[in-house]
Every structure is written in structure tokens, then in C-alpha cells.
Amino acid sequence: MDNWNILLESRDDGFTTATILEVPDCQISDETKQGAVEKVQKLLKQRLAQAEIIQIPAPIQPVTPENPLMKFAGIFQDDPDFMEIMEEIRAERGLDKI
């Protein structure tokens, strides 16, 4: 037996509305909370008696967001001025000896 989530809402007119959250159009009102729960359970049983729940496989491709900085990757690869600047930076940091 599966558990269903029921939203109970008190209305201004004193009635209670019970809504099955997994089936939002399965909703009913009654003068008492207990009555609303019982009625919505009965409504759900009637609906499920005429229905079938099945599962189907759905291939889901994970969405990996692209790093926004990747659009700049390699833009200076053929720029001789950039290569000169990088050599100077390496020399200043002592990385030219590695």
C-alpha cells in the first residue's frame, strides 16, 4: 500500500478541502477534516479502480552546464604578443627554469 500526501485546507465557510498532492484534480470538501479525508480517500479508490499506473524508461541525458569562460579558451594561441607577455611573466616568476 502506497502513502499519498493529502493537503488539508480550512476554508472561511467552515469546510475543509482535501487535495491529494500527487493528483491535484482529486479534491473534495467536507464540513470536517475527517470527513474530507474519508471522502478524498474514497474518490482516489474510485479513480484508481479505473486506472493503471505504469512506468516507462526515459533516457535522460545529464545536463552539464558549459563553463562560460570556455568561449575564451585558445583565443590567444596564435598571438605573438601574448606569447611574449607570457614568457615575461614566466621569467618574473622563475618558471622559465622548470
PDB file of N, CA and C in Angstrom:
ATOM      1  N   MET A   1       0.845  -1.181   0.000  1.00  0.00           N
ATOM      2  CA  MET A   1       0.000   0.000   0.000  1.00  0.00           C
ATOM      3  C   MET A   1       0.888   1.241   0.000  1.00  0.00           C
ATOM      4  N   ASP A   2       0.631   2.136  -0.926  1.00  0.00           N
ATOM      5  CA  ASP A   2       1.393   3.377  -1.021  1.00  0.00           C
ATOM      6  C   ASP A   2       0.764   4.464  -0.168  1.00  0.00           C
ATOM      7  N   ASN A   3       1.588   5.368   0.289  1.00  0.00           N
ATOM      8  CA  ASN A   3       1.091   6.527   1.022  1.00  0.00           C
ATOM      9  C   ASN A   3       0.893   7.680   0.051  1.00  0.00           C
ATOM     10  N   TRP A   4      -0.156   8.423   0.267  1.00  0.00           N
ATOM     11  CA  TRP A   4      -0.469   9.593  -0.551  1.00  0.00           C
ATOM     12  C   TRP A   4      -0.453  10.818   0.349  1.00  0.00           C
ATOM     13  N   ASN A   5       0.011  11.915  -0.179  1.00  0.00           N
ATOM     14  CA  ASN A   5       0.063  13.167   0.572  1.00  0.00           C
ATOM     15  C   ASN A   5      -1.227  13.938   0.336  1.00  0.00           C
ATOM     16  N   ILE A   6      -1.913  14.269   1.427  1.00  0.00           N
ATOM     17  CA  ILE A   6      -3.168  14.994   1.346  1.00  0.00           C
ATOM     18  C   ILE A   6      -2.988  16.363   1.989  1.00  0.00           C
ATOM     19  N   LEU A   7      -3.304  17.388   1.226  1.00  0.00           N
ATOM     20  CA  LEU A   7      -3.274  18.755   1.727  1.00  0.00           C
ATOM     21  C   LEU A   7      -4.654  19.084   2.273  1.00  0.00           C
ATOM     22  N   LEU A   8      -4.714  19.438   3.555  1.00  0.00           N
ATOM     23  CA  LEU A   8      -5.978  19.827   4.188  1.00  0.00           C
ATOM     24  C   LEU A   8      -5.975  21.342   4.378  1.00  0.00           C
ATOM     25  N   GLU A   9      -6.999  21.987   3.848  1.00  0.00           N
ATOM     26  CA  GLU A   9      -7.099  23.443   3.949  1.00  0.00           C
ATOM     27  C   GLU A   9      -8.434  23.823   4.570  1.00  0.00           C
ATOM     28  N   SER A  10      -8.379  24.651   5.593  1.00  0.00           N
ATOM     29  CA  SER A  10      -9.600  25.153   6.226  1.00  0.00           C
ATOM     30  C   SER A  10     -10.087  26.364   5.437  1.00  0.00           C
ATOM     31  N   ARG A  11     -11.354  26.335   5.080  1.00  0.00           N
ATOM     32  CA  ARG A  11     -11.931  27.443   4.316  1.00  0.00           C
ATOM     33  C   ARG A  11     -12.659  28.401   5.249  1.00  0.00           C
ATOM     34  N   ASP A  12     -12.942  29.587   4.758  1.00  0.00           N
ATOM     35  CA  ASP A  12     -13.641  30.610   5.542  1.00  0.00           C
ATOM     36  C   ASP A  12     -15.065  30.191   5.895  1.00  0.00           C
ATOM     37  N   ASP A  13     -15.667  29.326   5.083  1.00  0.00           N
ATOM     38  CA  ASP A  13     -17.051  28.911   5.346  1.00  0.00           C
ATOM     39  C   ASP A  13     -17.136  27.749   6.327  1.00  0.00           C
ATOM     40  N   GLY A  14     -16.007  27.345   6.921  1.00  0.00           N
ATOM     41  CA  GLY A  14     -16.001  26.284   7.915  1.00  0.00           C
ATOM     42  C   GLY A  14     -15.743  24.904   7.342  1.00  0.00           C
ATOM     43  N   PHE A  15     -15.741  24.777   6.028  1.00  0.00           N
ATOM     44  CA  PHE A  15     -15.469  23.492   5.401  1.00  0.00           C
ATOM     45  C   PHE A  15     -13.963  23.253   5.316  1.00  0.00           C
ATOM     46  N   THR A  16     -13.586  22.002   5.115  1.00  0.00           N
ATOM     47  CA  THR A  16     -12.192  21.625   4.908  1.00  0.00           C
ATOM     48  C   THR A  16     -12.073  21.017   3.517  1.00  0.00           C
ATOM     49  N   THR A  17     -11.098  21.481   2.770  1.00  0.00           N
ATOM     50  CA  THR A  17     -10.827  20.930   1.444  1.00  0.00           C
ATOM     51  C   THR A  17      -9.637  19.997   1.546  1.00  0.00           C
ATOM     52  N   ALA A  18      -9.789  18.798   0.993  1.00  0.00           N
ATOM     53  CA  ALA A  18      -8.709  17.807   0.965  1.00  0.00           C
ATOM     54  C   ALA A  18      -8.292  17.618  -0.487  1.00  0.00           C
ATOM     55  N   THR A  19      -7.006  17.777  -0.737  1.00  0.00           N
ATOM     56  CA  THR A  19      -6.449  17.618  -2.076  1.00  0.00           C
ATOM     57  C   THR A  19      -5.323  16.610  -2.018  1.00  0.00           C
ATOM     58  N   ILE A  20      -5.343  15.627  -2.901  1.00  0.00           N
ATOM     59  CA  ILE A  20      -4.236  14.681  -2.988  1.00  0.00           C
ATOM     60  C   ILE A  20      -3.158  15.340  -3.832  1.00  0.00           C
ATOM     61  N   LEU A  21      -2.006  15.617  -3.233  1.00  0.00           N
ATOM     62  CA  LEU A  21      -0.971  16.394  -3.899  1.00  0.00           C
ATOM     63  C   LEU A  21      -0.427  15.712  -5.153  1.00  0.00           C
ATOM     64  N   GLU A  22      -0.382  14.395  -5.140  1.00  0.00           N
ATOM     65  CA  GLU A  22       0.129  13.688  -6.313  1.00  0.00           C
ATOM     66  C   GLU A  22      -0.884  13.685  -7.466  1.00  0.00           C
ATOM     67  N   VAL A  23      -2.143  13.969  -7.150  1.00  0.00           N
ATOM     68  CA  VAL A  23      -3.213  14.030  -8.151  1.00  0.00           C
ATOM     69  C   VAL A  23      -4.025  15.292  -7.847  1.00  0.00           C
ATOM     70  N   PRO A  24      -3.541  16.462  -8.241  1.00  0.00           N
ATOM     71  CA  PRO A  24      -4.145  17.727  -7.814  1.00  0.00           C
ATOM     72  C   PRO A  24      -5.628  17.886  -8.153  1.00  0.00           C
ATOM     73  N   ASP A  25      -6.091  17.227  -9.214  1.00  0.00           N
ATOM     74  CA  ASP A  25      -7.514  17.380  -9.532  1.00  0.00           C
ATOM     75  C   ASP A  25      -8.383  16.419  -8.718  1.00  0.00           C
ATOM     76  N   CYS A  26      -7.777  15.656  -7.830  1.00  0.00           N
ATOM     77  CA  CYS A  26      -8.512  14.779  -6.913  1.00  0.00           C
ATOM     78  C   CYS A  26      -8.695  15.559  -5.608  1.00  0.00           C
ATOM     79  N   GLN A  27      -9.803  16.286  -5.549  1.00  0.00           N
ATOM     80  CA  GLN A  27     -10.036  17.228  -4.449  1.00  0.00           C
ATOM     81  C   GLN A  27     -11.498  17.173  -4.035  1.00  0.00           C
ATOM     82  N   ILE A  28     -11.729  17.345  -2.757  1.00  0.00           N
ATOM     83  CA  ILE A  28     -13.103  17.300  -2.244  1.00  0.00           C
ATOM     84  C   ILE A  28     -13.181  18.132  -0.961  1.00  0.00           C
ATOM     85  N   SER A  29     -14.382  18.604  -0.643  1.00  0.00           N
ATOM     86  CA  SER A  29     -14.591  19.388   0.578  1.00  0.00           C
ATOM     87  C   SER A  29     -15.637  18.721   1.454  1.00  0.00           C
ATOM     88  N   ASP A  30     -15.526  18.980   2.765  1.00  0.00           N
ATOM     89  CA  ASP A  30     -16.498  18.447   3.724  1.00  0.00           C
ATOM     90  C   ASP A  30     -16.537  19.382   4.930  1.00  0.00           C
ATOM     91  N   GLU A  31     -17.546  19.191   5.770  1.00  0.00           N
ATOM     92  CA  GLU A  31     -17.705  20.025   6.955  1.00  0.00           C
ATOM     93  C   GLU A  31     -16.632  19.754   8.003  1.00  0.00           C
ATOM     94  N   THR A  32     -16.025  18.549   7.966  1.00  0.00           N
ATOM     95  CA  THR A  32     -14.994  18.206   8.946  1.00  0.00           C
ATOM     96  C   THR A  32     -13.741  17.717   8.226  1.00  0.00           C
ATOM     97  N   LYS A  33     -12.615  17.800   8.943  1.00  0.00           N
ATOM     98  CA  LYS A  33     -11.367  17.292   8.380  1.00  0.00           C
ATOM     99  C   LYS A  33     -11.456  15.792   8.132  1.00  0.00           C
ATOM    100  N   GLN A  34     -11.961  15.072   9.120  1.00  0.00           N
ATOM    101  CA  GLN A  34     -12.070  13.620   8.986  1.00  0.00           C
ATOM    102  C   GLN A  34     -12.962  13.251   7.804  1.00  0.00           C
ATOM    103  N   GLY A  35     -14.068  13.962   7.667  1.00  0.00           N
ATOM    104  CA  GLY A  35     -14.977  13.699   6.550  1.00  0.00           C
ATOM    105  C   GLY A  35     -14.313  13.970   5.214  1.00  0.00           C
ATOM    106  N   ALA A  36     -13.528  15.056   5.140  1.00  0.00           N
ATOM    107  CA  ALA A  36     -12.825  15.384   3.897  1.00  0.00           C
ATOM    108  C   ALA A  36     -11.798  14.310   3.561  1.00  0.00           C
ATOM    109  N   VAL A  37     -11.085  13.837   4.580  1.00  0.00           N
ATOM    110  CA  VAL A  37     -10.076  12.785   4.359  1.00  0.00           C
ATOM    111  C   VAL A  37     -10.743  11.512   3.865  1.00  0.00           C
ATOM    112  N   GLU A  38     -11.816  11.113   4.516  1.00  0.00           N
ATOM    113  CA  GLU A  38     -12.518   9.889   4.123  1.00  0.00           C
ATOM    114  C   GLU A  38     -13.067   9.998   2.702  1.00  0.00           C
ATOM    115  N   LYS A  39     -13.639  11.143   2.377  1.00  0.00           N
ATOM    116  CA  LYS A  39     -14.204  11.328   1.041  1.00  0.00           C
ATOM    117  C   LYS A  39     -13.129  11.343  -0.039  1.00  0.00           C
ATOM    118  N   VAL A  40     -12.006  11.985   0.240  1.00  0.00           N
ATOM    119  CA  VAL A  40     -10.958  12.041  -0.778  1.00  0.00           C
ATOM    120  C   VAL A  40     -10.302  10.670  -0.950  1.00  0.00           C
ATOM    121  N   GLN A  41     -10.232   9.884   0.134  1.00  0.00           N
ATOM    122  CA  GLN A  41      -9.725   8.507   0.010  1.00  0.00           C
ATOM    123  C   GLN A  41     -10.655   7.681  -0.872  1.00  0.00           C
ATOM    124  N   LYS A  42     -11.950   7.832  -0.660  1.00  0.00           N
ATOM    125  CA  LYS A  42     -12.931   7.105  -1.466  1.00  0.00           C
ATOM    126  C   LYS A  42     -12.835   7.530  -2.930  1.00  0.00           C
ATOM    127  N   LEU A  43     -12.699   8.831  -3.160  1.00  0.00           N
ATOM    128  CA  LEU A  43     -12.566   9.354  -4.511  1.00  0.00           C
ATOM    129  C   LEU A  43     -11.326   8.785  -5.195  1.00  0.00           C
ATOM    130  N   LEU A  44     -10.219   8.717  -4.460  1.00  0.00           N
ATOM    131  CA  LEU A  44      -8.980   8.167  -5.015  1.00  0.00           C
ATOM    132  C   LEU A  44      -9.142   6.683  -5.349  1.00  0.00           C
ATOM    133  N   LYS A  45      -9.778   5.922  -4.468  1.00  0.00           N
ATOM    134  CA  LYS A  45     -10.001   4.499  -4.730  1.00  0.00           C
ATOM    135  C   LYS A  45     -10.819   4.299  -5.994  1.00  0.00           C
ATOM    136  N   GLN A  46     -11.862   5.115  -6.163  1.00  0.00           N
ATOM    137  CA  GLN A  46     -12.690   5.020  -7.358  1.00  0.00           C
ATOM    138  C   GLN A  46     -11.877   5.344  -8.610  1.00  0.00           C
ATOM    139  N   ARG A  47     -11.067   6.367  -8.505  1.00  0.00           N
ATOM    140  CA  ARG A  47     -10.261   6.769  -9.667  1.00  0.00           C
ATOM    141  C   ARG A  47      -9.231   5.708 -10.019  1.00  0.00           C
ATOM    142  N   LEU A  48      -8.566   5.156  -9.013  1.00  0.00           N
ATOM    143  CA  LEU A  48      -7.536   4.144  -9.264  1.00  0.00           C
ATOM    144  C   LEU A  48      -8.128   2.825  -9.749  1.00  0.00           C
ATOM    145  N   ALA A  49      -9.390   2.555  -9.396  1.00  0.00           N
ATOM    146  CA  ALA A  49     -10.042   1.324  -9.849  1.00  0.00           C
ATOM    147  C   ALA A  49     -10.205   1.327 -11.368  1.00  0.00           C
ATOM    148  N   GLN A  50     -10.254   2.498 -11.963  1.00  0.00           N
ATOM    149  CA  GLN A  50     -10.434   2.628 -13.404  1.00  0.00           C
ATOM    150  C   GLN A  50      -9.143   3.029 -14.116  1.00  0.00           C
ATOM    151  N   ALA A  51      -8.040   3.008 -13.387  1.00  0.00           N
ATOM    152  CA  ALA A  51      -6.781   3.483 -13.956  1.00  0.00           C
ATOM    153  C   ALA A  51      -5.696   2.433 -13.784  1.00  0.00           C
ATOM    154  N   GLU A  52      -4.624   2.656 -14.484  1.00  0.00           N
ATOM    155  CA  GLU A  52      -3.460   1.787 -14.374  1.00  0.00           C
ATOM    156  C   GLU A  52      -2.228   2.679 -14.316  1.00  0.00           C
ATOM    157  N   ILE A  53      -1.356   2.386 -13.405  1.00  0.00           N
ATOM    158  CA  ILE A  53      -0.114   3.136 -13.291  1.00  0.00           C
ATOM    159  C   ILE A  53       0.996   2.268 -13.848  1.00  0.00           C
ATOM    160  N   ILE A  54       1.713   2.795 -14.826  1.00  0.00           N
ATOM    161  CA  ILE A  54       2.828   2.068 -15.418  1.00  0.00           C
ATOM    162  C   ILE A  54       4.076   2.942 -15.372  1.00  0.00           C
ATOM    163  N   GLN A  55       5.203   2.319 -15.534  1.00  0.00           N
ATOM    164  CA  GLN A  55       6.464   3.049 -15.613  1.00  0.00           C
ATOM    165  C   GLN A  55       7.087   2.759 -16.965  1.00  0.00           C
ATOM    166  N   ILE A  56       7.644   3.777 -17.565  1.00  0.00           N
ATOM    167  CA  ILE A  56       8.338   3.601 -18.829  1.00  0.00           C
ATOM    168  C   ILE A  56       9.746   4.148 -18.692  1.00  0.00           C
ATOM    169  N   PRO A  57      10.699   3.531 -19.374  1.00  0.00           N
ATOM    170  CA  PRO A  57      12.059   4.060 -19.303  1.00  0.00           C
ATOM    171  C   PRO A  57      12.162   5.332 -20.153  1.00  0.00           C
ATOM    172  N   ALA A  58      12.861   6.273 -19.640  1.00  0.00           N
ATOM    173  CA  ALA A  58      13.083   7.517 -20.375  1.00  0.00           C
ATOM    174  C   ALA A  58      14.567   7.853 -20.289  1.00  0.00           C
ATOM    175  N   PRO A  59      15.252   7.831 -21.427  1.00  0.00           N
ATOM    176  CA  PRO A  59      16.673   8.167 -21.380  1.00  0.00           C
ATOM    177  C   PRO A  59      16.851   9.644 -21.023  1.00  0.00           C
ATOM    178  N   ILE A  60      17.545   9.859 -19.963  1.00  0.00           N
ATOM    179  CA  ILE A  60      17.771  11.234 -19.511  1.00  0.00           C
ATOM    180  C   ILE A  60      19.253  11.529 -19.637  1.00  0.00           C
ATOM    181  N   GLN A  61      19.551  12.511 -20.432  1.00  0.00           N
ATOM    182  CA  GLN A  61      20.927  12.931 -20.622  1.00  0.00           C
ATOM    183  C   GLN A  61      21.251  13.981 -19.561  1.00  0.00           C
ATOM    184  N   PRO A  62      22.291  13.751 -18.774  1.00  0.00           N
ATOM    185  CA  PRO A  62      22.634  14.765 -17.775  1.00  0.00           C
ATOM    186  C   PRO A  62      23.056  16.055 -18.455  1.00  0.00           C
ATOM    187  N   VAL A  63      22.563  17.130 -17.945  1.00  0.00           N
ATOM    188  CA  VAL A  63      22.907  18.444 -18.490  1.00  0.00           C
ATOM    189  C   VAL A  63      24.095  18.980 -17.713  1.00  0.00           C
ATOM    190  N   THR A  64      25.190  19.138 -18.401  1.00  0.00           N
ATOM    191  CA  THR A  64      26.370  19.708 -17.765  1.00  0.00           C
ATOM    192  C   THR A  64      26.543  21.120 -18.309  1.00  0.00           C
ATOM    193  N   PRO A  65      26.359  22.090 -17.457  1.00  0.00           N
ATOM    194  CA  PRO A  65      26.484  23.469 -17.941  1.00  0.00           C
ATOM    195  C   PRO A  65      27.904  23.749 -18.391  1.00  0.00           C
ATOM    196  N   GLU A  66      27.993  24.440 -19.503  1.00  0.00           N
ATOM    197  CA  GLU A  66      29.310  24.788 -20.026  1.00  0.00           C
ATOM    198  C   GLU A  66      29.879  25.957 -19.224  1.00  0.00           C
ATOM    199  N   ASN A  67      31.154  25.853 -18.926  1.00  0.00           N
ATOM    200  CA  ASN A  67      31.824  26.942 -18.228  1.00  0.00           C
ATOM    201  C   ASN A  67      31.804  28.173 -19.129  1.00  0.00           C
ATOM    202  N   PRO A  68      31.255  29.301 -18.665  1.00  0.00           N
ATOM    203  CA  PRO A  68      31.151  30.485 -19.523  1.00  0.00           C
ATOM    204  C   PRO A  68      32.501  31.020 -19.991  1.00  0.00           C
ATOM    205  N   LEU A  69      33.565  30.682 -19.277  1.00  0.00           N
ATOM    206  CA  LEU A  69      34.886  31.168 -19.687  1.00  0.00           C
ATOM    207  C   LEU A  69      35.487  30.359 -20.831  1.00  0.00           C
ATOM    208  N   MET A  70      34.891  29.195 -21.126  1.00  0.00           N
ATOM    209  CA  MET A  70      35.439  28.355 -22.192  1.00  0.00           C
ATOM    210  C   MET A  70      35.364  29.023 -23.560  1.00  0.00           C
ATOM    211  N   LYS A  71      34.477  30.004 -23.744  1.00  0.00           N
ATOM    212  CA  LYS A  71      34.406  30.681 -25.036  1.00  0.00           C
ATOM    213  C   LYS A  71      35.680  31.495 -25.302  1.00  0.00           C
ATOM    214  N   PHE A  72      36.457  31.732 -24.258  1.00  0.00           N
ATOM    215  CA  PHE A  72      37.708  32.478 -24.431  1.00  0.00           C
ATOM    216  C   PHE A  72      38.932  31.562 -24.541  1.00  0.00           C
ATOM    217  N   ALA A  73      38.746  30.280 -24.361  1.00  0.00           N
ATOM    218  CA  ALA A  73      39.871  29.340 -24.389  1.00  0.00           C
ATOM    219  C   ALA A  73      40.522  29.335 -25.767  1.00  0.00           C
ATOM    220  N   GLY A  74      41.827  29.543 -25.787  1.00  0.00           N
ATOM    221  CA  GLY A  74      42.595  29.456 -27.018  1.00  0.00           C
ATOM    222  C   GLY A  74      42.545  30.674 -27.916  1.00  0.00           C
ATOM    223  N   ILE A  75      41.937  31.775 -27.475  1.00  0.00           N
ATOM    224  CA  ILE A  75      41.826  32.919 -28.380  1.00  0.00           C
ATOM    225  C   ILE A  75      43.172  33.603 -28.640  1.00  0.00           C
ATOM    226  N   PHE A  76      44.160  33.362 -27.777  1.00  0.00           N
ATOM    227  CA  PHE A  76      45.475  33.990 -27.966  1.00  0.00           C
ATOM    228  C   PHE A  76      46.529  32.995 -28.458  1.00  0.00           C
ATOM    229  N   GLN A  77      46.116  31.820 -28.900  1.00  0.00           N
ATOM    230  CA  GLN A  77      47.089  30.788 -29.224  1.00  0.00           C
ATOM    231  C   GLN A  77      48.034  31.181 -30.360  1.00  0.00           C
ATOM    232  N   ASP A  78      47.591  32.004 -31.294  1.00  0.00           N
ATOM    233  CA  ASP A  78      48.456  32.409 -32.412  1.00  0.00           C
ATOM    234  C   ASP A  78      48.893  33.866 -32.312  1.00  0.00           C
ATOM    235  N   ASP A  79      48.774  34.451 -31.132  1.00  0.00           N
ATOM    236  CA  ASP A  79      49.127  35.862 -30.937  1.00  0.00           C
ATOM    237  C   ASP A  79      50.563  35.954 -30.410  1.00  0.00           C
ATOM    238  N   PRO A  80      51.513  36.439 -31.254  1.00  0.00           N
ATOM    239  CA  PRO A  80      52.916  36.507 -30.812  1.00  0.00           C
ATOM    240  C   PRO A  80      53.125  37.465 -29.633  1.00  0.00           C
ATOM    241  N   ASP A  81      52.334  38.534 -29.573  1.00  0.00           N
ATOM    242  CA  ASP A  81      52.471  39.468 -28.457  1.00  0.00           C
ATOM    243  C   ASP A  81      52.095  38.804 -27.141  1.00  0.00           C
ATOM    244  N   PHE A  82      51.037  37.994 -27.167  1.00  0.00           N
ATOM    245  CA  PHE A  82      50.596  37.298 -25.968  1.00  0.00           C
ATOM    246  C   PHE A  82      51.663  36.308 -25.515  1.00  0.00           C
ATOM    247  N   MET A  83      52.253  35.599 -26.469  1.00  0.00           N
ATOM    248  CA  MET A  83      53.296  34.627 -26.119  1.00  0.00           C
ATOM    249  C   MET A  83      54.489  35.339 -25.482  1.00  0.00           C
ATOM    250  N   GLU A  84      54.826  36.517 -25.981  1.00  0.00           N
ATOM    251  CA  GLU A  84      55.932  37.291 -25.407  1.00  0.00           C
ATOM    252  C   GLU A  84      55.607  37.708 -23.972  1.00  0.00           C
ATOM    253  N   ILE A  85      54.389  38.162 -23.753  1.00  0.00           N
ATOM    254  CA  ILE A  85      53.960  38.561 -22.408  1.00  0.00           C
ATOM    255  C   ILE A  85      54.025  37.364 -21.463  1.00  0.00           C
ATOM    256  N   MET A  86      53.575  36.201 -21.919  1.00  0.00           N
ATOM    257  CA  MET A  86      53.593  35.004 -21.090  1.00  0.00           C
ATOM    258  C   MET A  86      55.022  34.593 -20.739  1.00  0.00           C
ATOM    259  N   GLU A  87      55.936  34.748 -21.688  1.00  0.00           N
ATOM    260  CA  GLU A  87      57.343  34.425 -21.403  1.00  0.00           C
ATOM    261  C   GLU A  87      57.908  35.360 -20.340  1.00  0.00           C
ATOM    262  N   GLU A  88      57.528  36.636 -20.405  1.00  0.00           N
ATOM    263  CA  GLU A  88      57.991  37.596 -19.398  1.00  0.00           C
ATOM    264  C   GLU A  88      57.417  37.247 -18.022  1.00  0.00           C
ATOM    265  N   ILE A  89      56.173  36.883 -17.978  1.00  0.00           N
ATOM    266  CA  ILE A  89      55.546  36.505 -16.704  1.00  0.00           C
ATOM    267  C   ILE A  89      56.241  35.281 -16.129  1.00  0.00           C
ATOM    268  N   ARG A  90      56.503  34.282 -16.979  1.00  0.00           N
ATOM    269  CA  ARG A  90      57.188  33.070 -16.509  1.00  0.00           C
ATOM    270  C   ARG A  90      58.577  33.416 -15.959  1.00  0.00           C
ATOM    271  N   ALA A  91      59.277  34.317 -16.657  1.00  0.00           N
ATOM    272  CA  ALA A  91      60.627  34.690 -16.234  1.00  0.00           C
ATOM    273  C   ALA A  91      60.577  35.398 -14.878  1.00  0.00           C
ATOM    274  N   GLU A  92      59.610  36.306 -14.698  1.00  0.00           N
ATOM    275  CA  GLU A  92      59.473  37.026 -13.443  1.00  0.00           C
ATOM    276  C   GLU A  92      59.172  36.082 -12.288  1.00  0.00           C
ATOM    277  N   ARG A  93      58.412  35.077 -12.568  1.00  0.00           N
ATOM    278  CA  ARG A  93      58.010  34.122 -11.523  1.00  0.00           C
ATOM    279  C   ARG A  93      59.032  33.001 -11.345  1.00  0.00           C
ATOM    280  N   GLY A  94      60.031  33.009 -12.183  1.00  0.00           N
ATOM    281  CA  GLY A  94      61.053  31.969 -12.085  1.00  0.00           C
ATOM    282  C   GLY A  94      60.596  30.645 -12.655  1.00  0.00           C
ATOM    283  N   LEU A  95      59.567  30.668 -13.458  1.00  0.00           N
ATOM    284  CA  LEU A  95      59.048  29.443 -14.028  1.00  0.00           C
ATOM    285  C   LEU A  95      59.734  29.052 -15.330  1.00  0.00           C
ATOM    286  N   ASP A  96      60.587  29.930 -15.841  1.00  0.00           N
ATOM    287  CA  ASP A  96      61.255  29.619 -17.091  1.00  0.00           C
ATOM    288  C   ASP A  96      62.355  28.572 -16.894  1.00  0.00           C
ATOM    289  N   LYS A  97      62.695  28.274 -15.650  1.00  0.00           N
ATOM    290  CA  LYS A  97      63.760  27.310 -15.348  1.00  0.00           C
ATOM    291  C   LYS A  97      63.207  25.896 -15.188  1.00  0.00           C
ATOM    292  N   ILE A  98      61.906  25.760 -15.200  1.00  0.00           N
ATOM    293  CA  ILE A  98      61.308  24.437 -14.973  1.00  0.00           C
ATOM    294  C   ILE A  98      61.280  23.639 -16.250  1.00  0.00           C
TER     295      ILE A  98
END
